[in-house]
């Protein structure tokens, strides 16, 4: 993985103000994979007391973007064009973690899979599996306005 890839993955997380609002943090990454996490707060709960699907999807989507970005040439970036998520069990616990792995990085499209787990009393439970298709786009060299 190049230094440019590392900087892009870090930038993708740093410059997304919505992630800062939720508290999503980049935890680790390498060529073709990325991990992130977010502490669960009461603000994340839906009407039944589980973490809202939107939080799970946001964590998976952005972490998939980080994994995809780790495979790019220096002049490219990615944007999501399709997501699918399956919710396997309610997310109840203290911390959400996501691990994403690139399945195939083509010239124009990158396919990534995600596993979202929740830590409940220090025991991990898989709560969702997601897949994402990302479009390779030219990299904008303008600073974020956030």
Protein backbone atom coordinates (compact mmCIF):
# COMPACT_ATOMS: atom_id res chain seq x y z
CA UNK A 1 0.00 0.00 0.00
CA UNK A 2 1.36 3.41 -0.92
CA UNK A 3 1.62 6.48 1.27
CA UNK A 4 -0.97 8.14 -1.02
CA UNK A 5 -3.41 5.29 -0.30
CA UNK A 6 -2.87 5.69 3.45
CA UNK A 7 -3.44 9.43 3.26
CA UNK A 8 -6.63 8.96 1.20
CA UNK A 9 -8.11 6.43 3.63
CA UNK A 10 -7.34 8.72 6.56
CA UNK A 11 -8.75 11.72 4.68
CA UNK A 12 -11.99 9.89 3.86
CA UNK A 13 -12.63 9.45 7.57
CA UNK A 14 -11.25 12.82 8.71
CA UNK A 15 -13.18 14.95 6.22
CA UNK A 16 -16.62 13.37 6.66
CA UNK A 17 -18.39 15.63 9.17
CA UNK A 18 -21.30 13.18 9.50
CA UNK A 19 -18.89 10.54 10.82
CA UNK A 20 -17.61 12.99 13.43
CA UNK A 21 -21.22 13.68 14.47
CA UNK A 22 -21.79 9.95 15.02
CA UNK A 23 -18.35 9.37 16.54
CA UNK A 24 -17.22 6.79 13.96
CA UNK A 25 -13.47 6.25 14.14
CA UNK A 26 -11.03 4.64 11.75
CA UNK A 27 -9.18 1.95 13.73
CA UNK A 28 -7.00 0.04 11.24
CA UNK A 29 -6.48 -0.50 7.52
CA UNK A 30 -4.18 -2.04 4.97
CA UNK A 31 -4.22 -2.83 1.27
CA UNK A 32 -7.75 -4.11 0.49
CA UNK A 33 -9.22 -3.88 3.98
CA UNK A 34 -10.42 -1.36 6.54
CA UNK A 35 -11.80 -1.38 10.10
CA UNK A 36 -13.77 1.24 12.01
CA UNK A 37 -15.79 1.45 15.19
CA UNK A 38 -18.26 3.61 17.06
CA UNK A 39 -19.27 3.60 20.72
CA UNK A 40 -23.03 3.08 21.06
CA UNK A 41 -24.93 5.97 22.63
CA UNK A 42 -28.66 6.26 23.49
CA UNK A 43 -29.01 8.69 20.56
CA UNK A 44 -28.51 5.70 18.21
CA UNK A 45 -31.57 3.77 19.43
CA UNK A 46 -34.68 3.30 17.35
CA UNK A 47 -38.17 2.86 18.87
CA UNK A 48 -37.52 -0.73 20.07
CA UNK A 49 -34.26 0.10 21.84
CA UNK A 50 -31.90 -1.36 19.22
CA UNK A 51 -29.23 0.56 17.32
CA UNK A 52 -30.91 2.16 14.29
CA UNK A 53 -30.28 0.55 10.90
CA UNK A 54 -28.99 3.89 9.61
CA UNK A 55 -26.08 3.81 12.05
CA UNK A 56 -25.16 0.27 11.01
CA UNK A 57 -25.39 1.16 7.31
CA UNK A 58 -23.37 4.34 7.72
CA UNK A 59 -20.61 2.45 9.55
CA UNK A 60 -20.56 -0.27 6.86
CA UNK A 61 -20.77 2.15 3.93
CA UNK A 62 -17.95 4.40 5.01
CA UNK A 63 -15.68 1.56 6.07
CA UNK A 64 -16.26 -0.08 2.67
CA UNK A 65 -15.13 3.20 1.11
CA UNK A 66 -11.96 3.09 3.17
CA UNK A 67 -11.21 -0.47 2.05
CA UNK A 68 -11.81 0.45 -1.59
CA UNK A 69 -9.67 3.60 -1.34
CA UNK A 70 -6.75 1.53 -0.09
CA UNK A 71 -6.46 -0.06 -3.56
CA UNK A 72 -6.59 3.08 -5.71
CA UNK A 73 -4.03 4.86 -7.88
CA UNK A 74 -2.93 8.24 -6.49
CA UNK A 75 -5.22 10.27 -8.79
CA UNK A 76 -8.45 8.35 -8.01
CA UNK A 77 -11.14 8.29 -5.35
CA UNK A 78 -14.36 6.31 -4.84
CA UNK A 79 -18.03 6.96 -4.33
CA UNK A 80 -20.71 4.42 -3.41
CA UNK A 81 -23.14 3.49 -6.16
CA UNK A 82 -24.89 0.57 -4.46
CA UNK A 83 -25.24 -0.88 -0.95
CA UNK A 84 -27.04 -3.92 0.38
CA UNK A 85 -27.23 -4.86 4.03
CA UNK A 86 -28.73 -7.82 5.86
CA UNK A 87 -29.54 -7.34 9.53
CA UNK A 88 -28.88 -10.63 11.31
CA UNK A 89 -29.85 -9.73 14.88
CA UNK A 90 -30.63 -6.58 16.87
CA UNK A 91 -27.61 -4.49 17.77
CA UNK A 92 -27.54 -4.16 21.55
CA UNK A 93 -24.28 -3.50 23.34
CA UNK A 94 -21.52 -1.01 23.98
CA UNK A 95 -19.49 -0.81 20.77
CA UNK A 96 -20.05 -1.40 17.05
CA UNK A 97 -17.13 -2.60 14.94
CA UNK A 98 -16.92 -3.04 11.19
CA UNK A 99 -14.42 -4.98 9.07
CA UNK A 100 -14.49 -4.57 5.28
CA UNK A 101 -12.59 -6.53 2.67
CA UNK A 102 -12.25 -5.79 -1.05
CA UNK A 103 -13.49 -8.72 -3.12
CA UNK A 104 -12.48 -7.29 -6.47
CA UNK A 105 -10.91 -4.00 -7.48
CA UNK A 106 -11.51 -3.30 -11.15
CA UNK A 107 -10.64 -0.26 -13.24
CA UNK A 108 -14.08 1.34 -12.78
CA UNK A 109 -15.84 -0.59 -9.99
CA UNK A 110 -14.71 -1.98 -6.65
CA UNK A 111 -16.71 -4.64 -4.79
CA UNK A 112 -16.44 -4.80 -1.00
CA UNK A 113 -17.98 -6.92 1.77
CA UNK A 114 -18.55 -5.79 5.35
CA UNK A 115 -19.19 -7.50 8.66
CA UNK A 116 -20.64 -5.41 11.48
CA UNK A 117 -20.32 -6.74 15.01
CA UNK A 118 -21.48 -5.45 18.36
CA UNK A 119 -19.54 -5.93 21.57
CA UNK A 120 -21.84 -6.87 24.41
CA UNK A 121 -20.07 -7.46 27.71
CA UNK A 122 -16.81 -7.92 25.73
CA UNK A 123 -18.34 -10.68 23.58
CA UNK A 124 -18.68 -10.02 19.81
CA UNK A 125 -21.92 -10.76 17.98
CA UNK A 126 -22.32 -10.36 14.21
CA UNK A 127 -25.30 -8.08 13.67
CA UNK A 128 -25.08 -7.30 9.94
CA UNK A 129 -23.41 -8.27 6.67
CA UNK A 130 -23.21 -5.76 3.85
CA UNK A 131 -21.95 -5.50 0.31
CA UNK A 132 -21.02 -2.35 -1.50
CA UNK A 133 -20.20 -1.38 -5.06
CA UNK A 134 -18.07 1.72 -5.42
CA UNK A 135 -17.33 3.73 -8.54
CA UNK A 136 -13.76 4.85 -9.18
CA UNK A 137 -13.75 8.60 -9.87
CA UNK A 138 -11.08 11.28 -10.43
CA UNK A 139 -9.70 12.56 -7.15
CA UNK A 140 -10.60 16.13 -6.31
CA UNK A 141 -7.64 18.02 -4.92
CA UNK A 142 -9.69 20.68 -3.17
CA UNK A 143 -9.79 20.78 0.63
CA UNK A 144 -13.04 19.85 2.40
CA UNK A 145 -15.17 22.76 3.55
CA UNK A 146 -16.06 21.16 6.90
